[in-house]
Amino acid sequence: MRFLVLSRQRHLYSTRRFREVARRRGHGLGILDPLACTLAIGGSVHPFVDSPARLFDDSREVHRADCVIPRIGAALGGHSLAVVSHFEVMGVPVLNDSRAIGRARDKLVALQLLARAGIDVPATVMIGNRGSLERVLEIVGGPPVVLKLLQGTQGVGVILAESRAAIAATLDTLWGLGQHVLIQEFVAESRGCDVRALVIGGQVVAAMRRVAGDGEWRANLHRGGSAERIHLEDAYARVATHAARAVGLEVAGVDLLESRRGPKVVEINASPGFEGLERVTGIDVAGAILTRAESFAGRQETGSEDTASSEASRGLGRVG
């Protein structure tokens, strides 16, 4: 098989690992920078190309792939998402399609889908001015509260505001910069600690508990946190897989808080990094993702529609 990984940097850990696993299994694997892609639709179609769309990597046309694996963070913007959807128009299977990635990128949309699926999430409110701030604080049970930008990764754009004055000042600053802000319940008992579960094809394949470093309340490893391998309890594994399915992701990093009421999904990531997860757990995450890409490509060839994204499009029942 031949796979394409959408990635801006060839030397990223995840990109290198995909190349190693593909080579070991005898697959071809190309690295494609989404920002170097030119997308063409309609017009005079090449006589040997049976597709209404064409894609070029600089001046070289990309003709064939058995499956595309997007590794595109929210910072890459709309062009990278357009590249993913272009492959879909070309009839190339994509592991995490453009609709699912778009849902995960928008924190409000993701939380809406999770709540609709009956998944417990922290109380969250989006407002555009200070007029209803007191009502909002009643809803989220603060201060303190967590302020989040609609898009952001690795803890960027996430602020803990511990007083009314801090909340108001931070909101004014972010609104002044044209940002949309979520105000979210602060789950005190999980302060500085969360659980990352990696879901692939509807199964949790690895999990770790992350603990914030000194002087930090966010547990992201990129911010100096530490991690330990854990065996995920059934209740947490069930919620993580339902969360990935609700958003429509074949591959998802699901972040959960360990609250007194049980697991709360705080965020879901469509392009989760896995260097720390492989190091902590010893699990071959790159291999597990590539295995899913192999079966996903084969299923697409048979015309099967039984994917997380198609189920999300049809809607979900309650988590049982």
C-alpha atoms as a PDB file:
ATOM      1  CA  MET A   1       0.000   0.000   0.000  1.00  0.00           C
ATOM      2  CA  ARG A   2       0.956   3.635  -0.398  1.00  0.00           C
ATOM      3  CA  PHE A   3       0.109   6.159   2.305  1.00  0.00           C
ATOM      4  CA  LEU A   4       0.406   9.911   2.488  1.00  0.00           C
ATOM      5  CA  VAL A   5       0.971  11.774   5.744  1.00  0.00           C
ATOM      6  CA  LEU A   6      -0.102  15.426   5.748  1.00  0.00           C
ATOM      7  CA  SER A   7       2.503  17.165   7.860  1.00  0.00           C
ATOM      8  CA  ARG A   8       4.349  20.469   7.714  1.00  0.00           C
ATOM      9  CA  GLN A   9       7.561  19.040   9.118  1.00  0.00           C
ATOM     10  CA  ARG A  10       9.212  15.833   7.983  1.00  0.00           C
ATOM     11  CA  HIS A  11      11.328  15.609  11.129  1.00  0.00           C
ATOM     12  CA  LEU A  12       8.489  15.664  13.670  1.00  0.00           C
ATOM     13  CA  TYR A  13       8.469  12.625  15.943  1.00  0.00           C
ATOM     14  CA  SER A  14       5.100  11.333  14.682  1.00  0.00           C
ATOM     15  CA  THR A  15       6.095  11.758  11.025  1.00  0.00           C
ATOM     16  CA  ARG A  16       9.368   9.869  11.563  1.00  0.00           C
ATOM     17  CA  ARG A  17       7.567   7.068  13.368  1.00  0.00           C
ATOM     18  CA  PHE A  18       5.039   6.623  10.555  1.00  0.00           C
ATOM     19  CA  ARG A  19       7.908   6.372   8.080  1.00  0.00           C
ATOM     20  CA  GLU A  20       9.680   3.746  10.213  1.00  0.00           C
ATOM     21  CA  VAL A  21       6.590   1.570  10.616  1.00  0.00           C
ATOM     22  CA  ALA A  22       5.604   1.841   6.941  1.00  0.00           C
ATOM     23  CA  ARG A  23       9.086   0.867   5.813  1.00  0.00           C
ATOM     24  CA  ARG A  24       9.116  -2.110   8.181  1.00  0.00           C
ATOM     25  CA  ARG A  25       5.782  -3.312   6.756  1.00  0.00           C
ATOM     26  CA  GLY A  26       6.819  -2.839   3.132  1.00  0.00           C
ATOM     27  CA  HIS A  27       4.512   0.111   2.445  1.00  0.00           C
ATOM     28  CA  GLY A  28       5.295   3.268   0.552  1.00  0.00           C
ATOM     29  CA  LEU A  29       4.781   6.455   2.546  1.00  0.00           C
ATOM     30  CA  GLY A  30       5.052  10.032   1.333  1.00  0.00           C
ATOM     31  CA  ILE A  31       5.105  13.223   3.380  1.00  0.00           C
ATOM     32  CA  LEU A  32       3.024  16.071   1.992  1.00  0.00           C
ATOM     33  CA  ASP A  33       3.129  19.644   3.307  1.00  0.00           C
ATOM     34  CA  PRO A  34      -0.503  20.835   3.095  1.00  0.00           C
ATOM     35  CA  LEU A  35       0.578  24.461   2.635  1.00  0.00           C
ATOM     36  CA  ALA A  36       2.606  23.451  -0.443  1.00  0.00           C
ATOM     37  CA  CYS A  37      -0.474  21.914  -2.090  1.00  0.00           C
ATOM     38  CA  THR A  38      -2.294  23.464  -5.047  1.00  0.00           C
ATOM     39  CA  LEU A  39      -5.909  22.379  -5.448  1.00  0.00           C
ATOM     40  CA  ALA A  40      -7.615  22.271  -8.862  1.00  0.00           C
ATOM     41  CA  ILE A  41     -11.292  21.615  -9.551  1.00  0.00           C
ATOM     42  CA  GLY A  42     -13.105  21.177 -12.853  1.00  0.00           C
ATOM     43  CA  GLY A  43     -11.851  22.535 -16.163  1.00  0.00           C
ATOM     44  CA  SER A  44      -9.928  20.325 -18.552  1.00  0.00           C
ATOM     45  CA  VAL A  45      -9.384  17.072 -16.692  1.00  0.00           C
ATOM     46  CA  HIS A  46      -6.270  15.075 -17.543  1.00  0.00           C
ATOM     47  CA  PRO A  47      -7.291  12.182 -19.841  1.00  0.00           C
ATOM     48  CA  PHE A  48      -5.704   9.619 -17.509  1.00  0.00           C
ATOM     49  CA  VAL A  49      -7.189  11.050 -14.313  1.00  0.00           C
ATOM     50  CA  ASP A  50     -10.680   9.799 -13.522  1.00  0.00           C
ATOM     51  CA  SER A  51     -11.491  12.532 -10.988  1.00  0.00           C
ATOM     52  CA  PRO A  52     -13.180  15.952 -10.978  1.00  0.00           C
ATOM     53  CA  ALA A  53     -10.342  17.281  -8.822  1.00  0.00           C
ATOM     54  CA  ARG A  54      -6.545  17.348  -9.036  1.00  0.00           C
ATOM     55  CA  LEU A  55      -3.888  18.090  -6.421  1.00  0.00           C
ATOM     56  CA  PHE A  56      -0.341  19.284  -6.924  1.00  0.00           C
ATOM     57  CA  ASP A  57       2.608  19.256  -4.522  1.00  0.00           C
ATOM     58  CA  ASP A  58       4.338  22.381  -5.841  1.00  0.00           C
ATOM     59  CA  SER A  59       4.508  21.480  -9.553  1.00  0.00           C
ATOM     60  CA  ARG A  60       4.236  17.691  -9.155  1.00  0.00           C
ATOM     61  CA  GLU A  61       0.792  16.152  -9.460  1.00  0.00           C
ATOM     62  CA  VAL A  62      -0.245  13.718  -6.735  1.00  0.00           C
ATOM     63  CA  HIS A  63      -2.022  10.845  -8.463  1.00  0.00           C
ATOM     64  CA  ARG A  64      -2.499   7.968  -6.052  1.00  0.00           C
ATOM     65  CA  ALA A  65      -2.662   6.977  -2.401  1.00  0.00           C
ATOM     66  CA  ASP A  66      -4.443   4.185  -0.602  1.00  0.00           C
ATOM     67  CA  CYS A  67      -5.090   6.342   2.455  1.00  0.00           C
ATOM     68  CA  VAL A  68      -4.188   9.807   3.731  1.00  0.00           C
ATOM     69  CA  ILE A  69      -3.266  10.361   7.399  1.00  0.00           C
ATOM     70  CA  PRO A  70      -3.744  14.031   8.347  1.00  0.00           C
ATOM     71  CA  ARG A  71      -1.399  15.409  10.996  1.00  0.00           C
ATOM     72  CA  ILE A  72      -2.602  19.012  10.939  1.00  0.00           C
ATOM     73  CA  GLY A  73      -3.023  21.151  14.019  1.00  0.00           C
ATOM     74  CA  ALA A  74      -5.521  23.983  14.380  1.00  0.00           C
ATOM     75  CA  ALA A  75      -2.762  26.545  13.747  1.00  0.00           C
ATOM     76  CA  LEU A  76      -2.558  25.522  10.073  1.00  0.00           C
ATOM     77  CA  GLY A  77      -5.951  27.085   9.358  1.00  0.00           C
ATOM     78  CA  GLY A  78      -8.438  26.536   6.573  1.00  0.00           C
ATOM     79  CA  HIS A  79      -6.031  25.679   3.756  1.00  0.00           C
ATOM     80  CA  SER A  80      -4.933  22.443   5.397  1.00  0.00           C
ATOM     81  CA  LEU A  81      -8.551  21.456   5.958  1.00  0.00           C
ATOM     82  CA  ALA A  82      -9.286  22.197   2.292  1.00  0.00           C
ATOM     83  CA  VAL A  83      -6.494  19.810   1.322  1.00  0.00           C
ATOM     84  CA  VAL A  84      -8.125  17.046   3.363  1.00  0.00           C
ATOM     85  CA  SER A  85     -11.525  17.638   1.765  1.00  0.00           C
ATOM     86  CA  HIS A  86      -9.884  17.738  -1.686  1.00  0.00           C
ATOM     87  CA  PHE A  87      -8.552  14.222  -1.204  1.00  0.00           C
ATOM     88  CA  GLU A  88     -12.089  13.173  -0.286  1.00  0.00           C
ATOM     89  CA  VAL A  89     -13.397  14.659  -3.555  1.00  0.00           C
ATOM     90  CA  MET A  90     -10.659  12.737  -5.365  1.00  0.00           C
ATOM     91  CA  GLY A  91     -12.003   9.532  -3.799  1.00  0.00           C
ATOM     92  CA  VAL A  92      -8.955   8.917  -1.581  1.00  0.00           C
ATOM     93  CA  PRO A  93      -9.770   7.471   1.878  1.00  0.00           C
ATOM     94  CA  VAL A  94      -8.754   9.829   4.689  1.00  0.00           C
ATOM     95  CA  LEU A  95      -8.180   8.741   8.293  1.00  0.00           C
ATOM     96  CA  ASN A  96     -10.089  11.563  10.032  1.00  0.00           C
ATOM     97  CA  ASP A  97     -12.069  13.355   7.386  1.00  0.00           C
ATOM     98  CA  SER A  98     -12.396  17.110   6.985  1.00  0.00           C
ATOM     99  CA  ARG A  99     -15.796  17.363   8.689  1.00  0.00           C
ATOM    100  CA  ALA A 100     -14.606  15.527  11.789  1.00  0.00           C
ATOM    101  CA  ILE A 101     -11.392  17.554  11.986  1.00  0.00           C
ATOM    102  CA  GLY A 102     -13.409  20.765  11.680  1.00  0.00           C
ATOM    103  CA  ARG A 103     -15.729  19.687  14.509  1.00  0.00           C
ATOM    104  CA  ALA A 104     -12.801  18.861  16.794  1.00  0.00           C
ATOM    105  CA  ARG A 105     -10.992  22.123  16.030  1.00  0.00           C
ATOM    106  CA  ASP A 106     -13.910  24.225  17.240  1.00  0.00           C
ATOM    107  CA  LYS A 107     -14.129  23.665  20.993  1.00  0.00           C
ATOM    108  CA  LEU A 108     -17.742  24.854  21.193  1.00  0.00           C
ATOM    109  CA  VAL A 109     -18.939  22.619  18.363  1.00  0.00           C
ATOM    110  CA  ALA A 110     -17.091  19.650  19.870  1.00  0.00           C
ATOM    111  CA  LEU A 111     -18.688  20.225  23.277  1.00  0.00           C
ATOM    112  CA  GLN A 112     -22.118  20.608  21.670  1.00  0.00           C
ATOM    113  CA  LEU A 113     -21.751  17.240  19.951  1.00  0.00           C
ATOM    114  CA  LEU A 114     -20.495  15.586  23.129  1.00  0.00           C
ATOM    115  CA  ALA A 115     -23.371  16.981  25.181  1.00  0.00           C
ATOM    116  CA  ARG A 116     -25.899  15.881  22.558  1.00  0.00           C
ATOM    117  CA  ALA A 117     -24.469  12.361  22.801  1.00  0.00           C
ATOM    118  CA  GLY A 118     -25.079  12.355  26.562  1.00  0.00           C
ATOM    119  CA  ILE A 119     -21.399  12.666  27.480  1.00  0.00           C
ATOM    120  CA  ASP A 120     -20.581  14.598  30.643  1.00  0.00           C
ATOM    121  CA  VAL A 121     -18.555  17.789  29.980  1.00  0.00           C
ATOM    122  CA  PRO A 122     -17.665  20.689  32.297  1.00  0.00           C
ATOM    123  CA  ALA A 123     -20.338  23.405  32.419  1.00  0.00           C
ATOM    124  CA  THR A 124     -19.424  25.784  29.587  1.00  0.00           C
ATOM    125  CA  VAL A 125     -20.841  29.101  28.403  1.00  0.00           C
ATOM    126  CA  MET A 126     -20.035  31.343  25.450  1.00  0.00           C
ATOM    127  CA  ILE A 127     -20.879  35.041  25.740  1.00  0.00           C
ATOM    128  CA  GLY A 128     -19.995  38.128  23.719  1.00  0.00           C
ATOM    129  CA  ASN A 129     -20.170  40.843  26.379  1.00  0.00           C
ATOM    130  CA  ARG A 130     -20.093  41.361  30.144  1.00  0.00           C
ATOM    131  CA  GLY A 131     -23.804  42.018  30.526  1.00  0.00           C
ATOM    132  CA  SER A 132     -24.646  38.472  31.607  1.00  0.00           C
ATOM    133  CA  LEU A 133     -21.389  37.681  33.402  1.00  0.00           C
ATOM    134  CA  GLU A 134     -22.959  37.217  36.834  1.00  0.00           C
ATOM    135  CA  ARG A 135     -25.490  34.737  35.448  1.00  0.00           C
ATOM    136  CA  VAL A 136     -22.690  32.923  33.648  1.00  0.00           C
ATOM    137  CA  LEU A 137     -20.654  32.598  36.845  1.00  0.00           C
ATOM    138  CA  GLU A 138     -23.672  31.034  38.536  1.00  0.00           C
ATOM    139  CA  ILE A 139     -23.950  28.483  35.721  1.00  0.00           C
ATOM    140  CA  VAL A 140     -20.276  27.469  35.818  1.00  0.00           C
ATOM    141  CA  GLY A 141     -19.977  27.666  39.603  1.00  0.00           C
ATOM    142  CA  GLY A 142     -17.122  30.163  39.722  1.00  0.00           C
ATOM    143  CA  PRO A 143     -14.832  31.907  40.201  1.00  0.00           C
ATOM    144  CA  PRO A 144     -12.375  30.378  39.643  1.00  0.00           C
ATOM    145  CA  VAL A 145     -13.180  29.574  36.013  1.00  0.00           C
ATOM    146  CA  VAL A 146     -11.275  28.437  32.956  1.00  0.00           C
ATOM    147  CA  LEU A 147     -11.277  30.780  29.944  1.00  0.00           C
ATOM    148  CA  LYS A 148     -10.627  29.150  26.572  1.00  0.00           C
ATOM    149  CA  LEU A 149     -10.251  30.393  23.032  1.00  0.00           C
ATOM    150  CA  LEU A 150     -12.360  28.482  20.533  1.00  0.00           C
ATOM    151  CA  GLN A 151      -9.238  27.101  18.890  1.00  0.00           C
ATOM    152  CA  GLY A 152      -5.919  26.203  20.469  1.00  0.00           C
ATOM    153  CA  THR A 153      -3.711  23.229  21.307  1.00  0.00           C
ATOM    154  CA  GLN A 154      -1.126  22.176  23.897  1.00  0.00           C
ATOM    155  CA  GLY A 155      -2.659  24.475  26.497  1.00  0.00           C
ATOM    156  CA  VAL A 156      -2.314  27.640  24.387  1.00  0.00           C
ATOM    157  CA  GLY A 157      -5.293  29.962  24.848  1.00  0.00           C
ATOM    158  CA  VAL A 158      -6.357  28.371  28.157  1.00  0.00           C
ATOM    159  CA  ILE A 159      -6.393  30.669  31.198  1.00  0.00           C
ATOM    160  CA  LEU A 160      -7.335  30.095  34.826  1.00  0.00           C
ATOM    161  CA  ALA A 161      -9.057  33.213  36.218  1.00  0.00           C
ATOM    162  CA  GLU A 162      -9.474  33.094  39.986  1.00  0.00           C
ATOM    163  CA  SER A 163     -11.458  36.285  40.704  1.00  0.00           C
ATOM    164  CA  ARG A 164     -14.262  38.324  39.153  1.00  0.00           C
ATOM    165  CA  ALA A 165     -11.833  41.146  38.437  1.00  0.00           C
ATOM    166  CA  ALA A 166      -9.429  38.775  36.654  1.00  0.00           C
ATOM    167  CA  ILE A 167     -12.264  37.252  34.640  1.00  0.00           C
ATOM    168  CA  ALA A 168     -13.572  40.663  33.520  1.00  0.00           C
ATOM    169  CA  ALA A 169     -10.131  42.007  32.637  1.00  0.00           C
ATOM    170  CA  THR A 170      -9.160  38.888  30.686  1.00  0.00           C
ATOM    171  CA  LEU A 171     -12.444  38.855  28.775  1.00  0.00           C
ATOM    172  CA  ASP A 172     -12.059  42.517  27.833  1.00  0.00           C
ATOM    173  CA  THR A 173      -8.535  41.859  26.572  1.00  0.00           C
ATOM    174  CA  LEU A 174      -9.505  38.812  24.514  1.00  0.00           C
ATOM    175  CA  TRP A 175     -12.624  40.446  23.088  1.00  0.00           C
ATOM    176  CA  GLY A 176     -10.517  43.476  22.204  1.00  0.00           C
ATOM    177  CA  LEU A 177      -8.302  41.157  20.146  1.00  0.00           C
ATOM    178  CA  GLY A 178     -11.371  39.834  18.312  1.00  0.00           C
ATOM    179  CA  GLN A 179     -11.346  36.448  20.045  1.00  0.00           C
ATOM    180  CA  HIS A 180     -14.364  34.298  20.885  1.00  0.00           C
ATOM    181  CA  VAL A 181     -14.107  32.975  24.433  1.00  0.00           C
ATOM    182  CA  LEU A 182     -15.596  30.059  26.345  1.00  0.00           C
ATOM    183  CA  ILE A 183     -16.079  30.297  30.106  1.00  0.00           C
ATOM    184  CA  GLN A 184     -15.815  26.846  31.650  1.00  0.00           C
ATOM    185  CA  GLU A 185     -16.322  25.260  35.034  1.00  0.00           C
ATOM    186  CA  PHE A 186     -13.108  24.684  36.994  1.00  0.00           C
ATOM    187  CA  VAL A 187     -13.147  21.108  38.303  1.00  0.00           C
ATOM    188  CA  ALA A 188     -11.177  21.705  41.500  1.00  0.00           C
ATOM    189  CA  GLU A 189     -10.582  18.070  42.439  1.00  0.00           C
ATOM    190  CA  SER A 190      -8.724  17.457  39.152  1.00  0.00           C
ATOM    191  CA  ARG A 191      -6.539  20.581  39.374  1.00  0.00           C
ATOM    192  CA  GLY A 192      -3.227  19.981  37.646  1.00  0.00           C
ATOM    193  CA  CYS A 193      -4.172  16.483  36.518  1.00  0.00           C
ATOM    194  CA  ASP A 194      -5.993  14.895  33.590  1.00  0.00           C
ATOM    195  CA  VAL A 195      -6.185  11.651  31.620  1.00  0.00           C
ATOM    196  CA  ARG A 196      -5.292  11.355  27.933  1.00  0.00           C
ATOM    197  CA  ALA A 197      -6.884   8.402  26.162  1.00  0.00           C
ATOM    198  CA  LEU A 198      -5.938   7.591  22.583  1.00  0.00           C
ATOM    199  CA  VAL A 199      -8.849   6.151  20.626  1.00  0.00           C
ATOM    200  CA  ILE A 200      -8.241   4.424  17.288  1.00  0.00           C
ATOM    201  CA  GLY A 201     -11.082   2.853  15.339  1.00  0.00           C
ATOM    202  CA  GLY A 202     -13.436   2.924  18.310  1.00  0.00           C
ATOM    203  CA  GLN A 203     -10.994   1.344  20.791  1.00  0.00           C
ATOM    204  CA  VAL A 204      -8.775   2.856  23.481  1.00  0.00           C
ATOM    205  CA  VAL A 205      -5.276   1.661  22.608  1.00  0.00           C
ATOM    206  CA  ALA A 206      -3.273   3.642  25.200  1.00  0.00           C
ATOM    207  CA  ALA A 207      -3.865   5.925  28.169  1.00  0.00           C
ATOM    208  CA  MET A 208      -1.821   7.980  30.577  1.00  0.00           C
ATOM    209  CA  ARG A 209      -2.402  10.297  33.497  1.00  0.00           C
ATOM    210  CA  ARG A 210      -0.709  13.684  33.124  1.00  0.00           C
ATOM    211  CA  VAL A 211       0.322  15.813  36.104  1.00  0.00           C
ATOM    212  CA  ALA A 212       1.234  19.496  35.865  1.00  0.00           C
ATOM    213  CA  GLY A 213       4.713  20.691  36.714  1.00  0.00           C
ATOM    214  CA  ASP A 214       5.589  23.045  39.544  1.00  0.00           C
ATOM    215  CA  GLY A 215       3.817  26.390  39.327  1.00  0.00           C
ATOM    216  CA  GLU A 216       1.568  25.221  36.487  1.00  0.00           C
ATOM    217  CA  TRP A 217      -2.061  24.061  36.572  1.00  0.00           C
ATOM    218  CA  ARG A 218      -2.250  22.742  32.993  1.00  0.00           C
ATOM    219  CA  ALA A 219      -1.151  19.132  32.672  1.00  0.00           C
ATOM    220  CA  ASN A 220       0.148  19.286  29.079  1.00  0.00           C
ATOM    221  CA  LEU A 221       3.519  17.574  28.641  1.00  0.00           C
ATOM    222  CA  HIS A 222       4.595  20.460  26.402  1.00  0.00           C
ATOM    223  CA  ARG A 223       4.281  22.685  29.489  1.00  0.00           C
ATOM    224  CA  GLY A 224       6.573  20.642  31.677  1.00  0.00           C
ATOM    225  CA  GLY A 225       4.086  18.110  32.997  1.00  0.00           C
ATOM    226  CA  SER A 226       4.879  14.491  33.796  1.00  0.00           C
ATOM    227  CA  ALA A 227       2.933  11.356  32.951  1.00  0.00           C
ATOM    228  CA  GLU A 228       2.382   7.775  34.029  1.00  0.00           C
ATOM    229  CA  ARG A 229       0.854   4.822  32.245  1.00  0.00           C
ATOM    230  CA  ILE A 230      -2.566   3.795  33.519  1.00  0.00           C
ATOM    231  CA  HIS A 231      -5.069   1.060  32.839  1.00  0.00           C
ATOM    232  CA  LEU A 232      -8.213   2.969  31.977  1.00  0.00           C
ATOM    233  CA  GLU A 233     -11.272   1.987  33.980  1.00  0.00           C
ATOM    234  CA  ASP A 234     -14.191   0.720  31.905  1.00  0.00           C
ATOM    235  CA  ALA A 235     -16.297   3.820  32.596  1.00  0.00           C
ATOM    236  CA  TYR A 236     -13.531   6.109  31.338  1.00  0.00           C
ATOM    237  CA  ALA A 237     -12.770   3.924  28.294  1.00  0.00           C
ATOM    238  CA  ARG A 238     -16.456   3.822  27.374  1.00  0.00           C
ATOM    239  CA  VAL A 239     -16.764   7.607  27.575  1.00  0.00           C
ATOM    240  CA  ALA A 240     -13.575   8.129  25.541  1.00  0.00           C
ATOM    241  CA  THR A 241     -14.744   5.902  22.691  1.00  0.00           C
ATOM    242  CA  HIS A 242     -18.200   7.489  22.666  1.00  0.00           C
ATOM    243  CA  ALA A 243     -16.594  10.928  22.537  1.00  0.00           C
ATOM    244  CA  ALA A 244     -14.502  10.038  19.491  1.00  0.00           C
ATOM    245  CA  ARG A 245     -17.569   8.577  17.783  1.00  0.00           C
ATOM    246  CA  ALA A 246     -19.727  11.613  18.617  1.00  0.00           C
ATOM    247  CA  VAL A 247     -17.272  13.930  16.875  1.00  0.00           C
ATOM    248  CA  GLY A 248     -16.689  11.439  14.042  1.00  0.00           C
ATOM    249  CA  LEU A 249     -12.984  10.773  14.565  1.00  0.00           C
ATOM    250  CA  GLU A 250     -11.228   7.547  13.637  1.00  0.00           C
ATOM    251  CA  VAL A 251      -8.148   8.685  15.570  1.00  0.00           C
ATOM    252  CA  ALA A 252      -8.647  10.928  18.612  1.00  0.00           C
ATOM    253  CA  GLY A 253      -6.860  12.114  21.695  1.00  0.00           C
ATOM    254  CA  VAL A 254      -9.573  12.421  24.358  1.00  0.00           C
ATOM    255  CA  ASP A 255      -8.758  14.423  27.476  1.00  0.00           C
ATOM    256  CA  LEU A 256     -10.772  13.532  30.575  1.00  0.00           C
ATOM    257  CA  LEU A 257     -11.007  14.995  34.051  1.00  0.00           C
ATOM    258  CA  GLU A 258     -11.424  12.698  37.036  1.00  0.00           C
ATOM    259  CA  SER A 259     -14.296  14.428  38.822  1.00  0.00           C
ATOM    260  CA  ARG A 260     -16.336  13.325  41.828  1.00  0.00           C
ATOM    261  CA  ARG A 261     -19.161  12.495  39.408  1.00  0.00           C
ATOM    262  CA  GLY A 262     -16.935  10.393  37.201  1.00  0.00           C
ATOM    263  CA  PRO A 263     -15.242  11.120  33.871  1.00  0.00           C
ATOM    264  CA  LYS A 264     -15.754  14.509  32.208  1.00  0.00           C
ATOM    265  CA  VAL A 265     -14.501  15.044  28.671  1.00  0.00           C
ATOM    266  CA  VAL A 266     -12.784  18.400  28.561  1.00  0.00           C
ATOM    267  CA  GLU A 267     -11.306  18.306  25.058  1.00  0.00           C
ATOM    268  CA  ILE A 268     -10.867  16.145  21.971  1.00  0.00           C
ATOM    269  CA  ASN A 269      -7.960  16.353  19.533  1.00  0.00           C
ATOM    270  CA  ALA A 270      -8.042  15.213  15.914  1.00  0.00           C
ATOM    271  CA  SER A 271      -4.252  15.179  15.518  1.00  0.00           C
ATOM    272  CA  PRO A 272      -2.936  14.043  18.895  1.00  0.00           C
ATOM    273  CA  GLY A 273       0.781  13.943  19.470  1.00  0.00           C
ATOM    274  CA  PHE A 274       1.980  10.581  20.738  1.00  0.00           C
ATOM    275  CA  GLU A 275       5.669  10.901  21.568  1.00  0.00           C
ATOM    276  CA  GLY A 276       4.952  11.107  25.292  1.00  0.00           C
ATOM    277  CA  LEU A 277       2.326   8.385  25.080  1.00  0.00           C
ATOM    278  CA  GLU A 278       4.698   5.940  23.374  1.00  0.00           C
ATOM    279  CA  ARG A 279       7.469   6.767  25.825  1.00  0.00           C
ATOM    280  CA  VAL A 280       5.273   6.359  28.914  1.00  0.00           C
ATOM    281  CA  THR A 281       3.267   3.311  27.836  1.00  0.00           C
ATOM    282  CA  GLY A 282       5.691   1.462  25.548  1.00  0.00           C
ATOM    283  CA  ILE A 283       2.817   0.993  23.070  1.00  0.00           C
ATOM    284  CA  ASP A 284       3.490   1.269  19.331  1.00  0.00           C
ATOM    285  CA  VAL A 285       0.969   4.059  18.679  1.00  0.00           C
ATOM    286  CA  ALA A 286       2.267   4.804  15.179  1.00  0.00           C
ATOM    287  CA  GLY A 287       1.829   1.129  14.302  1.00  0.00           C
ATOM    288  CA  ALA A 288      -1.718   1.089  15.678  1.00  0.00           C
ATOM    289  CA  ILE A 289      -2.661   4.146  13.603  1.00  0.00           C
ATOM    290  CA  LEU A 290      -1.114   2.652  10.467  1.00  0.00           C
ATOM    291  CA  THR A 291      -2.955  -0.621  11.087  1.00  0.00           C
ATOM    292  CA  ARG A 292      -6.206   1.348  11.191  1.00  0.00           C
ATOM    293  CA  ALA A 293      -5.237   3.115   7.968  1.00  0.00           C
ATOM    294  CA  GLU A 294      -4.619  -0.288   6.322  1.00  0.00           C
ATOM    295  CA  SER A 295      -8.037  -1.637   7.280  1.00  0.00           C
ATOM    296  CA  PHE A 296      -9.720   1.695   6.571  1.00  0.00           C
ATOM    297  CA  ALA A 297      -8.323   1.779   3.040  1.00  0.00           C
ATOM    298  CA  GLY A 298      -9.420  -1.818   2.461  1.00  0.00           C
ATOM    299  CA  ARG A 299     -12.927  -1.128   3.740  1.00  0.00           C
ATOM    300  CA  GLN A 300     -13.268   1.951   1.547  1.00  0.00           C
ATOM    301  CA  GLU A 301     -12.415  -0.206  -1.462  1.00  0.00           C
ATOM    302  CA  THR A 302     -15.388  -2.450  -0.667  1.00  0.00           C
ATOM    303  CA  GLY A 303     -17.710   0.561  -0.327  1.00  0.00           C
ATOM    304  CA  SER A 304     -18.382   0.142   3.398  1.00  0.00           C
ATOM    305  CA  GLU A 305     -19.644   3.266   5.225  1.00  0.00           C
ATOM    306  CA  ASP A 306     -19.248   1.969   8.783  1.00  0.00           C
ATOM    307  CA  THR A 307     -16.932   4.737  10.024  1.00  0.00           C
ATOM    308  CA  ALA A 308     -16.990   7.039  13.012  1.00  0.00           C
ATOM    309  CA  SER A 309     -17.621  10.041  10.787  1.00  0.00           C
ATOM    310  CA  SER A 310     -20.635   8.509   9.039  1.00  0.00           C
ATOM    311  CA  GLU A 311     -22.114   7.584  12.410  1.00  0.00           C
ATOM    312  CA  ALA A 312     -21.586  11.127  13.688  1.00  0.00           C
ATOM    313  CA  SER A 313     -23.370  12.446  10.603  1.00  0.00           C
ATOM    314  CA  ARG A 314     -26.377  10.226  11.327  1.00  0.00           C
ATOM    315  CA  GLY A 315     -26.503  11.273  14.993  1.00  0.00           C
ATOM    316  CA  LEU A 316     -26.013   9.268  18.180  1.00  0.00           C
ATOM    317  CA  GLY A 317     -28.099   7.938  20.994  1.00  0.00           C
ATOM    318  CA  ARG A 318     -27.297   8.379  24.680  1.00  0.00           C
ATOM    319  CA  VAL A 319     -24.235   6.871  26.279  1.00  0.00           C
ATOM    320  CA  GLY A 320     -25.332   3.833  28.186  1.00  0.00           C
END
